[in-house]
């Protein structure tokens, strides 16, 4: 008979996931603060990836060793990096254009887009249950965005949804990469390969700053790197279906940071629409688990 799941390992996985979400929510607040103090989107992206590289290398060295970065699928990593960078541009753009709580809520649509892409790109069979969840999820988006209400920029909503689309696309790519590559290898190559193109863009967009802004940019990279590794580490102890519900704790942190640093609280529409989007995403994850679909660390990229 199979061994019973270890509850201590599950609790460790849940704790790591909660810590990861705290780190990524903190990174989002730092991004918004850095931009408010004069940092550009290009600068933020460059420092996010640059300072994550030593964090990832230290993690690999302390674990399976730096030899694990060897790969025979360099081209696949390049493609993942291109899509991942596009997703980061839109993700960080949404953070800058929208209140933190609303930007976070729109990121919850990733399972919805992943379902659509799985059906279109991978020819996965999607039944009426998950299609219904997709429709309900987008209804929640309409409630949050209120396209005719004008309570926050429509362009911000579109940027946030585009970010979720790219994150879902990355998840599809990483399912393919995950057949031969470890999560640590994938994180390393994404971090490393994204630095040169960002450095070129940064060379044309460099600005002097005071020490507080430099500290924020450094913290964005370090906190983001630690958060990404904690996401991966959580899945060593507990399955995706167990830890994914912890992701929605990011709305609590986004609300707290938005109120503390920017004096902004979620709109009433967000409080109505967010639970609908969250319920849709959780239902999709539950259906994926029930039908035995392969889910890995790749399905929750940072």
C-alpha atoms as a PDB file:
ATOM      1  CA  UNK A   1       0.000   0.000   0.000  1.00  0.00           C
ATOM      2  CA  UNK A   2       1.257   3.538  -0.714  1.00  0.00           C
ATOM      3  CA  UNK A   3       2.639   5.447   2.237  1.00  0.00           C
ATOM      4  CA  UNK A   4       0.327   7.974   3.828  1.00  0.00           C
ATOM      5  CA  UNK A   5       1.187  11.609   3.078  1.00  0.00           C
ATOM      6  CA  UNK A   6       3.378  13.229   5.708  1.00  0.00           C
ATOM      7  CA  UNK A   7       1.403  16.102   7.310  1.00  0.00           C
ATOM      8  CA  UNK A   8       4.621  17.778   8.478  1.00  0.00           C
ATOM      9  CA  UNK A   9       5.899  17.959   4.895  1.00  0.00           C
ATOM     10  CA  UNK A  10       2.563  19.363   3.758  1.00  0.00           C
ATOM     11  CA  UNK A  11       2.723  22.057   6.430  1.00  0.00           C
ATOM     12  CA  UNK A  12       6.261  22.914   5.328  1.00  0.00           C
ATOM     13  CA  UNK A  13       5.043  23.247   1.758  1.00  0.00           C
ATOM     14  CA  UNK A  14       2.176  25.495   2.807  1.00  0.00           C
ATOM     15  CA  UNK A  15       4.498  27.656   4.927  1.00  0.00           C
ATOM     16  CA  UNK A  16       6.955  28.030   2.043  1.00  0.00           C
ATOM     17  CA  UNK A  17       4.149  28.948  -0.330  1.00  0.00           C
ATOM     18  CA  UNK A  18       2.809  31.594   2.053  1.00  0.00           C
ATOM     19  CA  UNK A  19       6.337  32.979   2.449  1.00  0.00           C
ATOM     20  CA  UNK A  20       6.775  33.034  -1.341  1.00  0.00           C
ATOM     21  CA  UNK A  21       3.528  34.947  -1.823  1.00  0.00           C
ATOM     22  CA  UNK A  22       4.564  37.420   0.874  1.00  0.00           C
ATOM     23  CA  UNK A  23       7.883  37.963  -0.940  1.00  0.00           C
ATOM     24  CA  UNK A  24       6.236  38.495  -4.328  1.00  0.00           C
ATOM     25  CA  UNK A  25       3.615  40.846  -2.871  1.00  0.00           C
ATOM     26  CA  UNK A  26       6.412  42.784  -1.176  1.00  0.00           C
ATOM     27  CA  UNK A  27       8.259  42.931  -4.491  1.00  0.00           C
ATOM     28  CA  UNK A  28       5.163  44.418  -6.138  1.00  0.00           C
ATOM     29  CA  UNK A  29       4.963  47.110  -3.464  1.00  0.00           C
ATOM     30  CA  UNK A  30       8.673  47.867  -3.927  1.00  0.00           C
ATOM     31  CA  UNK A  31       8.162  48.147  -7.685  1.00  0.00           C
ATOM     32  CA  UNK A  32       5.425  50.714  -7.206  1.00  0.00           C
ATOM     33  CA  UNK A  33       7.485  52.631  -4.621  1.00  0.00           C
ATOM     34  CA  UNK A  34      10.610  52.633  -6.806  1.00  0.00           C
ATOM     35  CA  UNK A  35       8.646  53.996  -9.766  1.00  0.00           C
ATOM     36  CA  UNK A  36       7.105  56.680  -7.562  1.00  0.00           C
ATOM     37  CA  UNK A  37      10.639  57.755  -6.601  1.00  0.00           C
ATOM     38  CA  UNK A  38      11.844  58.037 -10.206  1.00  0.00           C
ATOM     39  CA  UNK A  39      12.857  54.537 -11.351  1.00  0.00           C
ATOM     40  CA  UNK A  40      11.725  53.514 -14.836  1.00  0.00           C
ATOM     41  CA  UNK A  41      10.152  50.217 -15.863  1.00  0.00           C
ATOM     42  CA  UNK A  42      13.332  49.200 -17.734  1.00  0.00           C
ATOM     43  CA  UNK A  43      15.477  49.868 -14.665  1.00  0.00           C
ATOM     44  CA  UNK A  44      13.140  47.873 -12.456  1.00  0.00           C
ATOM     45  CA  UNK A  45      13.117  44.916 -14.855  1.00  0.00           C
ATOM     46  CA  UNK A  46      16.912  44.912 -15.167  1.00  0.00           C
ATOM     47  CA  UNK A  47      17.561  44.945 -11.441  1.00  0.00           C
ATOM     48  CA  UNK A  48      14.827  42.359 -10.806  1.00  0.00           C
ATOM     49  CA  UNK A  49      16.652  39.860 -13.013  1.00  0.00           C
ATOM     50  CA  UNK A  50      20.251  40.880 -12.298  1.00  0.00           C
ATOM     51  CA  UNK A  51      20.146  40.425  -8.526  1.00  0.00           C
ATOM     52  CA  UNK A  52      18.113  37.246  -8.784  1.00  0.00           C
ATOM     53  CA  UNK A  53      21.038  35.478 -10.533  1.00  0.00           C
ATOM     54  CA  UNK A  54      23.332  35.217  -7.456  1.00  0.00           C
ATOM     55  CA  UNK A  55      20.361  34.164  -5.322  1.00  0.00           C
ATOM     56  CA  UNK A  56      19.533  31.319  -7.715  1.00  0.00           C
ATOM     57  CA  UNK A  57      23.194  30.267  -8.027  1.00  0.00           C
ATOM     58  CA  UNK A  58      23.603  30.160  -4.247  1.00  0.00           C
ATOM     59  CA  UNK A  59      20.450  28.049  -3.959  1.00  0.00           C
ATOM     60  CA  UNK A  60      21.656  25.614  -6.605  1.00  0.00           C
ATOM     61  CA  UNK A  61      25.143  25.406  -5.069  1.00  0.00           C
ATOM     62  CA  UNK A  62      23.648  24.596  -1.671  1.00  0.00           C
ATOM     63  CA  UNK A  63      21.396  21.944  -3.158  1.00  0.00           C
ATOM     64  CA  UNK A  64      22.059  19.724  -6.164  1.00  0.00           C
ATOM     65  CA  UNK A  65      25.148  21.655  -7.253  1.00  0.00           C
ATOM     66  CA  UNK A  66      25.911  24.063 -10.086  1.00  0.00           C
ATOM     67  CA  UNK A  67      26.395  21.130 -12.444  1.00  0.00           C
ATOM     68  CA  UNK A  68      22.617  20.920 -12.747  1.00  0.00           C
ATOM     69  CA  UNK A  69      22.560  24.036 -14.932  1.00  0.00           C
ATOM     70  CA  UNK A  70      23.901  22.030 -17.890  1.00  0.00           C
ATOM     71  CA  UNK A  71      21.231  21.671 -20.546  1.00  0.00           C
ATOM     72  CA  UNK A  72      20.753  20.231 -24.012  1.00  0.00           C
ATOM     73  CA  UNK A  73      17.679  22.391 -24.649  1.00  0.00           C
ATOM     74  CA  UNK A  74      19.227  25.841 -24.819  1.00  0.00           C
ATOM     75  CA  UNK A  75      16.866  26.954 -27.593  1.00  0.00           C
ATOM     76  CA  UNK A  76      13.838  26.052 -25.491  1.00  0.00           C
ATOM     77  CA  UNK A  77      15.209  28.138 -22.625  1.00  0.00           C
ATOM     78  CA  UNK A  78      15.696  31.080 -24.999  1.00  0.00           C
ATOM     79  CA  UNK A  79      12.072  30.820 -26.115  1.00  0.00           C
ATOM     80  CA  UNK A  80      10.856  30.583 -22.525  1.00  0.00           C
ATOM     81  CA  UNK A  81      12.949  33.644 -21.652  1.00  0.00           C
ATOM     82  CA  UNK A  82      11.450  35.695 -24.500  1.00  0.00           C
ATOM     83  CA  UNK A  83       7.890  34.885 -23.448  1.00  0.00           C
ATOM     84  CA  UNK A  84       8.747  35.275 -19.773  1.00  0.00           C
ATOM     85  CA  UNK A  85      10.247  38.729 -20.310  1.00  0.00           C
ATOM     86  CA  UNK A  86       7.162  39.845 -22.212  1.00  0.00           C
ATOM     87  CA  UNK A  87       5.058  38.612 -19.305  1.00  0.00           C
ATOM     88  CA  UNK A  88       7.202  40.508 -16.803  1.00  0.00           C
ATOM     89  CA  UNK A  89       6.843  43.728 -18.813  1.00  0.00           C
ATOM     90  CA  UNK A  90       3.055  43.484 -18.706  1.00  0.00           C
ATOM     91  CA  UNK A  91       2.975  42.221 -15.111  1.00  0.00           C
ATOM     92  CA  UNK A  92       5.109  45.089 -13.819  1.00  0.00           C
ATOM     93  CA  UNK A  93       3.224  47.482 -16.087  1.00  0.00           C
ATOM     94  CA  UNK A  94      -0.054  46.459 -14.459  1.00  0.00           C
ATOM     95  CA  UNK A  95       1.457  47.046 -11.018  1.00  0.00           C
ATOM     96  CA  UNK A  96       2.445  50.568 -12.064  1.00  0.00           C
ATOM     97  CA  UNK A  97      -0.851  51.388 -13.785  1.00  0.00           C
ATOM     98  CA  UNK A  98      -3.309  49.956 -11.263  1.00  0.00           C
ATOM     99  CA  UNK A  99      -3.827  49.913  -7.501  1.00  0.00           C
ATOM    100  CA  UNK A 100      -2.019  46.913  -6.029  1.00  0.00           C
ATOM    101  CA  UNK A 101      -5.200  45.059  -5.035  1.00  0.00           C
ATOM    102  CA  UNK A 102      -6.719  45.350  -8.515  1.00  0.00           C
ATOM    103  CA  UNK A 103      -3.467  44.349 -10.262  1.00  0.00           C
ATOM    104  CA  UNK A 104      -3.252  41.339  -7.949  1.00  0.00           C
ATOM    105  CA  UNK A 105      -6.859  40.362  -8.566  1.00  0.00           C
ATOM    106  CA  UNK A 106      -6.336  40.352 -12.343  1.00  0.00           C
ATOM    107  CA  UNK A 107      -3.343  38.036 -11.886  1.00  0.00           C
ATOM    108  CA  UNK A 108      -5.749  35.443 -10.490  1.00  0.00           C
ATOM    109  CA  UNK A 109      -7.023  34.870 -14.038  1.00  0.00           C
ATOM    110  CA  UNK A 110      -3.930  32.797 -14.922  1.00  0.00           C
ATOM    111  CA  UNK A 111      -5.737  29.408 -14.446  1.00  0.00           C
ATOM    112  CA  UNK A 112      -8.504  30.679 -16.732  1.00  0.00           C
ATOM    113  CA  UNK A 113      -6.060  31.537 -19.528  1.00  0.00           C
ATOM    114  CA  UNK A 114      -4.133  28.304 -18.920  1.00  0.00           C
ATOM    115  CA  UNK A 115      -7.345  26.346 -19.519  1.00  0.00           C
ATOM    116  CA  UNK A 116      -7.994  28.166 -22.784  1.00  0.00           C
ATOM    117  CA  UNK A 117      -4.402  27.750 -23.980  1.00  0.00           C
ATOM    118  CA  UNK A 118      -4.376  24.089 -22.991  1.00  0.00           C
ATOM    119  CA  UNK A 119      -7.414  23.521 -25.191  1.00  0.00           C
ATOM    120  CA  UNK A 120      -6.059  25.517 -28.138  1.00  0.00           C
ATOM    121  CA  UNK A 121      -2.319  24.795 -28.043  1.00  0.00           C
ATOM    122  CA  UNK A 122      -2.127  21.336 -26.469  1.00  0.00           C
ATOM    123  CA  UNK A 123      -5.474  20.050 -27.719  1.00  0.00           C
ATOM    124  CA  UNK A 124      -6.425  19.155 -24.155  1.00  0.00           C
ATOM    125  CA  UNK A 125     -10.002  18.063 -23.636  1.00  0.00           C
ATOM    126  CA  UNK A 126     -11.862  20.711 -21.661  1.00  0.00           C
ATOM    127  CA  UNK A 127     -15.307  19.751 -20.472  1.00  0.00           C
ATOM    128  CA  UNK A 128     -18.319  21.900 -19.739  1.00  0.00           C
ATOM    129  CA  UNK A 129     -17.361  22.213 -16.058  1.00  0.00           C
ATOM    130  CA  UNK A 130     -14.091  24.003 -16.735  1.00  0.00           C
ATOM    131  CA  UNK A 131     -15.536  26.053 -19.613  1.00  0.00           C
ATOM    132  CA  UNK A 132     -18.247  27.196 -17.212  1.00  0.00           C
ATOM    133  CA  UNK A 133     -15.554  28.169 -14.706  1.00  0.00           C
ATOM    134  CA  UNK A 134     -13.785  30.170 -17.444  1.00  0.00           C
ATOM    135  CA  UNK A 135     -16.962  32.096 -18.259  1.00  0.00           C
ATOM    136  CA  UNK A 136     -17.712  32.752 -14.580  1.00  0.00           C
ATOM    137  CA  UNK A 137     -14.125  33.884 -14.023  1.00  0.00           C
ATOM    138  CA  UNK A 138     -14.339  36.444 -16.799  1.00  0.00           C
ATOM    139  CA  UNK A 139     -17.646  37.643 -15.354  1.00  0.00           C
ATOM    140  CA  UNK A 140     -15.701  38.337 -12.163  1.00  0.00           C
ATOM    141  CA  UNK A 141     -13.162  40.306 -14.204  1.00  0.00           C
ATOM    142  CA  UNK A 142     -15.941  42.467 -15.647  1.00  0.00           C
ATOM    143  CA  UNK A 143     -17.239  43.160 -12.143  1.00  0.00           C
ATOM    144  CA  UNK A 144     -13.770  44.221 -10.949  1.00  0.00           C
ATOM    145  CA  UNK A 145     -12.906  46.279 -14.017  1.00  0.00           C
ATOM    146  CA  UNK A 146     -16.314  47.926 -14.532  1.00  0.00           C
ATOM    147  CA  UNK A 147     -15.382  48.901 -18.126  1.00  0.00           C
ATOM    148  CA  UNK A 148     -18.064  51.590 -18.265  1.00  0.00           C
ATOM    149  CA  UNK A 149     -17.475  52.851 -14.731  1.00  0.00           C
ATOM    150  CA  UNK A 150     -14.089  54.508 -15.222  1.00  0.00           C
ATOM    151  CA  UNK A 151     -13.016  53.915 -11.609  1.00  0.00           C
ATOM    152  CA  UNK A 152      -9.550  52.848 -12.791  1.00  0.00           C
ATOM    153  CA  UNK A 153      -7.815  52.913 -16.215  1.00  0.00           C
ATOM    154  CA  UNK A 154      -9.140  50.512 -18.831  1.00  0.00           C
ATOM    155  CA  UNK A 155      -5.625  50.282 -20.292  1.00  0.00           C
ATOM    156  CA  UNK A 156      -4.442  48.999 -16.905  1.00  0.00           C
ATOM    157  CA  UNK A 157      -7.050  46.242 -17.008  1.00  0.00           C
ATOM    158  CA  UNK A 158      -5.941  45.206 -20.490  1.00  0.00           C
ATOM    159  CA  UNK A 159      -2.287  45.224 -19.444  1.00  0.00           C
ATOM    160  CA  UNK A 160      -3.092  43.113 -16.360  1.00  0.00           C
ATOM    161  CA  UNK A 161      -5.057  40.561 -18.393  1.00  0.00           C
ATOM    162  CA  UNK A 162      -2.280  40.423 -20.997  1.00  0.00           C
ATOM    163  CA  UNK A 163       0.204  39.727 -18.198  1.00  0.00           C
ATOM    164  CA  UNK A 164      -1.960  36.814 -17.004  1.00  0.00           C
ATOM    165  CA  UNK A 165      -2.116  35.501 -20.586  1.00  0.00           C
ATOM    166  CA  UNK A 166       1.679  35.516 -20.860  1.00  0.00           C
ATOM    167  CA  UNK A 167       2.097  33.844 -17.458  1.00  0.00           C
ATOM    168  CA  UNK A 168      -0.288  31.110 -18.592  1.00  0.00           C
ATOM    169  CA  UNK A 169       1.712  30.777 -21.823  1.00  0.00           C
ATOM    170  CA  UNK A 170       4.900  30.378 -19.794  1.00  0.00           C
ATOM    171  CA  UNK A 171       3.181  27.648 -17.773  1.00  0.00           C
ATOM    172  CA  UNK A 172       2.416  25.765 -20.996  1.00  0.00           C
ATOM    173  CA  UNK A 173       6.037  26.118 -22.160  1.00  0.00           C
ATOM    174  CA  UNK A 174       7.366  24.987 -18.805  1.00  0.00           C
ATOM    175  CA  UNK A 175       5.229  21.876 -18.862  1.00  0.00           C
ATOM    176  CA  UNK A 176       7.206  20.903 -21.948  1.00  0.00           C
ATOM    177  CA  UNK A 177      10.559  21.952 -20.464  1.00  0.00           C
ATOM    178  CA  UNK A 178       9.769  20.162 -17.221  1.00  0.00           C
ATOM    179  CA  UNK A 179       9.901  16.802 -18.984  1.00  0.00           C
ATOM    180  CA  UNK A 180      13.710  17.049 -19.103  1.00  0.00           C
ATOM    181  CA  UNK A 181      14.732  20.091 -17.030  1.00  0.00           C
ATOM    182  CA  UNK A 182      14.594  20.633 -13.284  1.00  0.00           C
ATOM    183  CA  UNK A 183      12.844  23.699 -11.877  1.00  0.00           C
ATOM    184  CA  UNK A 184      16.187  25.069 -10.647  1.00  0.00           C
ATOM    185  CA  UNK A 185      17.733  24.750 -14.105  1.00  0.00           C
ATOM    186  CA  UNK A 186      14.799  26.561 -15.683  1.00  0.00           C
ATOM    187  CA  UNK A 187      14.844  29.388 -13.128  1.00  0.00           C
ATOM    188  CA  UNK A 188      18.613  29.818 -13.569  1.00  0.00           C
ATOM    189  CA  UNK A 189      18.534  30.092 -17.360  1.00  0.00           C
ATOM    190  CA  UNK A 190      15.561  32.440 -17.333  1.00  0.00           C
ATOM    191  CA  UNK A 191      17.304  34.750 -14.883  1.00  0.00           C
ATOM    192  CA  UNK A 192      20.641  34.650 -16.717  1.00  0.00           C
ATOM    193  CA  UNK A 193      19.389  34.892 -20.303  1.00  0.00           C
ATOM    194  CA  UNK A 194      17.110  37.836 -19.551  1.00  0.00           C
ATOM    195  CA  UNK A 195      19.937  40.029 -18.204  1.00  0.00           C
ATOM    196  CA  UNK A 196      21.767  40.838 -21.533  1.00  0.00           C
ATOM    197  CA  UNK A 197      18.729  42.182 -23.456  1.00  0.00           C
ATOM    198  CA  UNK A 198      17.612  44.134 -20.407  1.00  0.00           C
ATOM    199  CA  UNK A 199      21.150  45.504 -19.989  1.00  0.00           C
ATOM    200  CA  UNK A 200      21.085  46.830 -23.556  1.00  0.00           C
ATOM    201  CA  UNK A 201      17.772  48.579 -22.925  1.00  0.00           C
ATOM    202  CA  UNK A 202      19.044  49.813 -19.561  1.00  0.00           C
ATOM    203  CA  UNK A 203      22.088  51.429 -21.220  1.00  0.00           C
ATOM    204  CA  UNK A 204      19.692  53.820 -22.976  1.00  0.00           C
ATOM    205  CA  UNK A 205      17.551  54.432 -19.908  1.00  0.00           C
ATOM    206  CA  UNK A 206      20.017  54.858 -17.054  1.00  0.00           C
ATOM    207  CA  UNK A 207      19.187  57.508 -14.458  1.00  0.00           C
ATOM    208  CA  UNK A 208      21.036  58.633 -11.313  1.00  0.00           C
ATOM    209  CA  UNK A 209      19.155  58.038  -8.071  1.00  0.00           C
ATOM    210  CA  UNK A 210      19.631  58.571  -4.373  1.00  0.00           C
ATOM    211  CA  UNK A 211      20.548  55.621  -2.156  1.00  0.00           C
ATOM    212  CA  UNK A 212      16.938  54.829  -1.215  1.00  0.00           C
ATOM    213  CA  UNK A 213      16.002  54.095  -4.832  1.00  0.00           C
ATOM    214  CA  UNK A 214      19.124  51.950  -5.343  1.00  0.00           C
ATOM    215  CA  UNK A 215      18.196  50.051  -2.184  1.00  0.00           C
ATOM    216  CA  UNK A 216      14.676  49.483  -3.527  1.00  0.00           C
ATOM    217  CA  UNK A 217      16.015  48.214  -6.869  1.00  0.00           C
ATOM    218  CA  UNK A 218      18.386  45.827  -5.102  1.00  0.00           C
ATOM    219  CA  UNK A 219      15.581  44.631  -2.832  1.00  0.00           C
ATOM    220  CA  UNK A 220      13.297  44.016  -5.819  1.00  0.00           C
ATOM    221  CA  UNK A 221      15.818  41.576  -7.274  1.00  0.00           C
ATOM    222  CA  UNK A 222      16.680  39.828  -4.018  1.00  0.00           C
ATOM    223  CA  UNK A 223      13.127  39.558  -2.685  1.00  0.00           C
ATOM    224  CA  UNK A 224      11.805  38.500  -6.092  1.00  0.00           C
ATOM    225  CA  UNK A 225      14.500  35.848  -6.460  1.00  0.00           C
ATOM    226  CA  UNK A 226      13.881  34.450  -2.984  1.00  0.00           C
ATOM    227  CA  UNK A 227      10.135  34.411  -3.632  1.00  0.00           C
ATOM    228  CA  UNK A 228      10.563  32.537  -6.909  1.00  0.00           C
ATOM    229  CA  UNK A 229      12.748  29.907  -5.253  1.00  0.00           C
ATOM    230  CA  UNK A 230      10.297  29.557  -2.366  1.00  0.00           C
ATOM    231  CA  UNK A 231       7.546  28.816  -4.897  1.00  0.00           C
ATOM    232  CA  UNK A 232       9.684  26.006  -6.270  1.00  0.00           C
ATOM    233  CA  UNK A 233      10.684  24.766  -2.824  1.00  0.00           C
ATOM    234  CA  UNK A 234       7.074  24.549  -1.649  1.00  0.00           C
ATOM    235  CA  UNK A 235       6.334  21.978  -4.322  1.00  0.00           C
ATOM    236  CA  UNK A 236       9.008  19.668  -2.965  1.00  0.00           C
ATOM    237  CA  UNK A 237       6.846  19.150   0.106  1.00  0.00           C
ATOM    238  CA  UNK A 238       3.249  19.414  -1.099  1.00  0.00           C
ATOM    239  CA  UNK A 239       1.380  19.011  -4.406  1.00  0.00           C
ATOM    240  CA  UNK A 240       0.217  21.982  -6.453  1.00  0.00           C
ATOM    241  CA  UNK A 241      -3.434  21.403  -5.576  1.00  0.00           C
ATOM    242  CA  UNK A 242      -2.562  21.748  -1.877  1.00  0.00           C
ATOM    243  CA  UNK A 243      -0.482  24.922  -2.056  1.00  0.00           C
ATOM    244  CA  UNK A 244      -2.253  26.886  -4.812  1.00  0.00           C
ATOM    245  CA  UNK A 245      -5.008  28.195  -2.474  1.00  0.00           C
ATOM    246  CA  UNK A 246      -2.249  29.998  -0.542  1.00  0.00           C
ATOM    247  CA  UNK A 247      -1.616  32.173  -3.618  1.00  0.00           C
ATOM    248  CA  UNK A 248      -4.775  34.128  -2.931  1.00  0.00           C
ATOM    249  CA  UNK A 249      -3.293  35.440   0.301  1.00  0.00           C
ATOM    250  CA  UNK A 250      -1.507  37.923  -1.983  1.00  0.00           C
ATOM    251  CA  UNK A 251      -4.716  39.968  -2.055  1.00  0.00           C
ATOM    252  CA  UNK A 252      -4.395  40.505   1.711  1.00  0.00           C
ATOM    253  CA  UNK A 253      -0.824  41.769   1.333  1.00  0.00           C
ATOM    254  CA  UNK A 254      -1.715  43.888  -1.695  1.00  0.00           C
ATOM    255  CA  UNK A 255      -4.546  45.516   0.233  1.00  0.00           C
ATOM    256  CA  UNK A 256      -2.306  46.148   3.251  1.00  0.00           C
ATOM    257  CA  UNK A 257       0.552  47.577   1.192  1.00  0.00           C
ATOM    258  CA  UNK A 258      -1.819  49.654  -0.942  1.00  0.00           C
ATOM    259  CA  UNK A 259      -3.389  51.229   2.124  1.00  0.00           C
ATOM    260  CA  UNK A 260      -0.112  51.701   4.051  1.00  0.00           C
ATOM    261  CA  UNK A 261       2.066  53.183   1.314  1.00  0.00           C
ATOM    262  CA  UNK A 262      -0.380  54.629  -1.206  1.00  0.00           C
ATOM    263  CA  UNK A 263      -3.551  55.327   0.781  1.00  0.00           C
ATOM    264  CA  UNK A 264      -5.617  53.128  -1.555  1.00  0.00           C
ATOM    265  CA  UNK A 265      -8.151  50.461  -0.659  1.00  0.00           C
ATOM    266  CA  UNK A 266      -9.878  48.055  -3.069  1.00  0.00           C
ATOM    267  CA  UNK A 267     -13.133  49.270  -4.580  1.00  0.00           C
ATOM    268  CA  UNK A 268     -16.420  47.588  -3.594  1.00  0.00           C
ATOM    269  CA  UNK A 269     -16.452  46.031  -7.081  1.00  0.00           C
ATOM    270  CA  UNK A 270     -13.119  44.347  -6.338  1.00  0.00           C
ATOM    271  CA  UNK A 271     -14.470  42.793  -3.142  1.00  0.00           C
ATOM    272  CA  UNK A 272     -17.373  41.373  -5.169  1.00  0.00           C
ATOM    273  CA  UNK A 273     -15.452  40.255  -8.246  1.00  0.00           C
ATOM    274  CA  UNK A 274     -12.307  38.883  -6.576  1.00  0.00           C
ATOM    275  CA  UNK A 275     -14.056  35.969  -4.804  1.00  0.00           C
ATOM    276  CA  UNK A 276     -15.703  35.008  -8.111  1.00  0.00           C
ATOM    277  CA  UNK A 277     -12.338  34.944  -9.916  1.00  0.00           C
ATOM    278  CA  UNK A 278     -10.716  33.057  -7.036  1.00  0.00           C
ATOM    279  CA  UNK A 279     -13.519  30.472  -6.931  1.00  0.00           C
ATOM    280  CA  UNK A 280     -13.213  29.994 -10.691  1.00  0.00           C
ATOM    281  CA  UNK A 281      -9.458  29.426 -10.462  1.00  0.00           C
ATOM    282  CA  UNK A 282      -9.727  27.010  -7.544  1.00  0.00           C
ATOM    283  CA  UNK A 283     -12.427  25.032  -9.317  1.00  0.00           C
ATOM    284  CA  UNK A 284     -10.250  24.718 -12.427  1.00  0.00           C
ATOM    285  CA  UNK A 285      -7.312  23.484 -10.308  1.00  0.00           C
ATOM    286  CA  UNK A 286      -9.601  20.981  -8.575  1.00  0.00           C
ATOM    287  CA  UNK A 287     -10.910  19.664 -11.890  1.00  0.00           C
ATOM    288  CA  UNK A 288      -7.338  19.368 -13.230  1.00  0.00           C
ATOM    289  CA  UNK A 289      -6.383  17.296 -10.196  1.00  0.00           C
ATOM    290  CA  UNK A 290      -9.475  15.117 -10.444  1.00  0.00           C
ATOM    291  CA  UNK A 291      -8.870  14.272 -14.113  1.00  0.00           C
ATOM    292  CA  UNK A 292      -5.211  13.529 -13.379  1.00  0.00           C
ATOM    293  CA  UNK A 293      -3.759  16.259 -15.576  1.00  0.00           C
ATOM    294  CA  UNK A 294      -0.002  16.790 -15.131  1.00  0.00           C
ATOM    295  CA  UNK A 295       0.660  19.829 -12.962  1.00  0.00           C
ATOM    296  CA  UNK A 296       4.119  20.911 -11.893  1.00  0.00           C
ATOM    297  CA  UNK A 297       6.103  23.779 -10.469  1.00  0.00           C
ATOM    298  CA  UNK A 298       5.989  25.230 -13.941  1.00  0.00           C
ATOM    299  CA  UNK A 299       2.295  25.953 -13.614  1.00  0.00           C
ATOM    300  CA  UNK A 300       2.926  28.671 -11.071  1.00  0.00           C
ATOM    301  CA  UNK A 301       5.760  30.771 -12.509  1.00  0.00           C
ATOM    302  CA  UNK A 302       6.752  33.925 -10.701  1.00  0.00           C
END
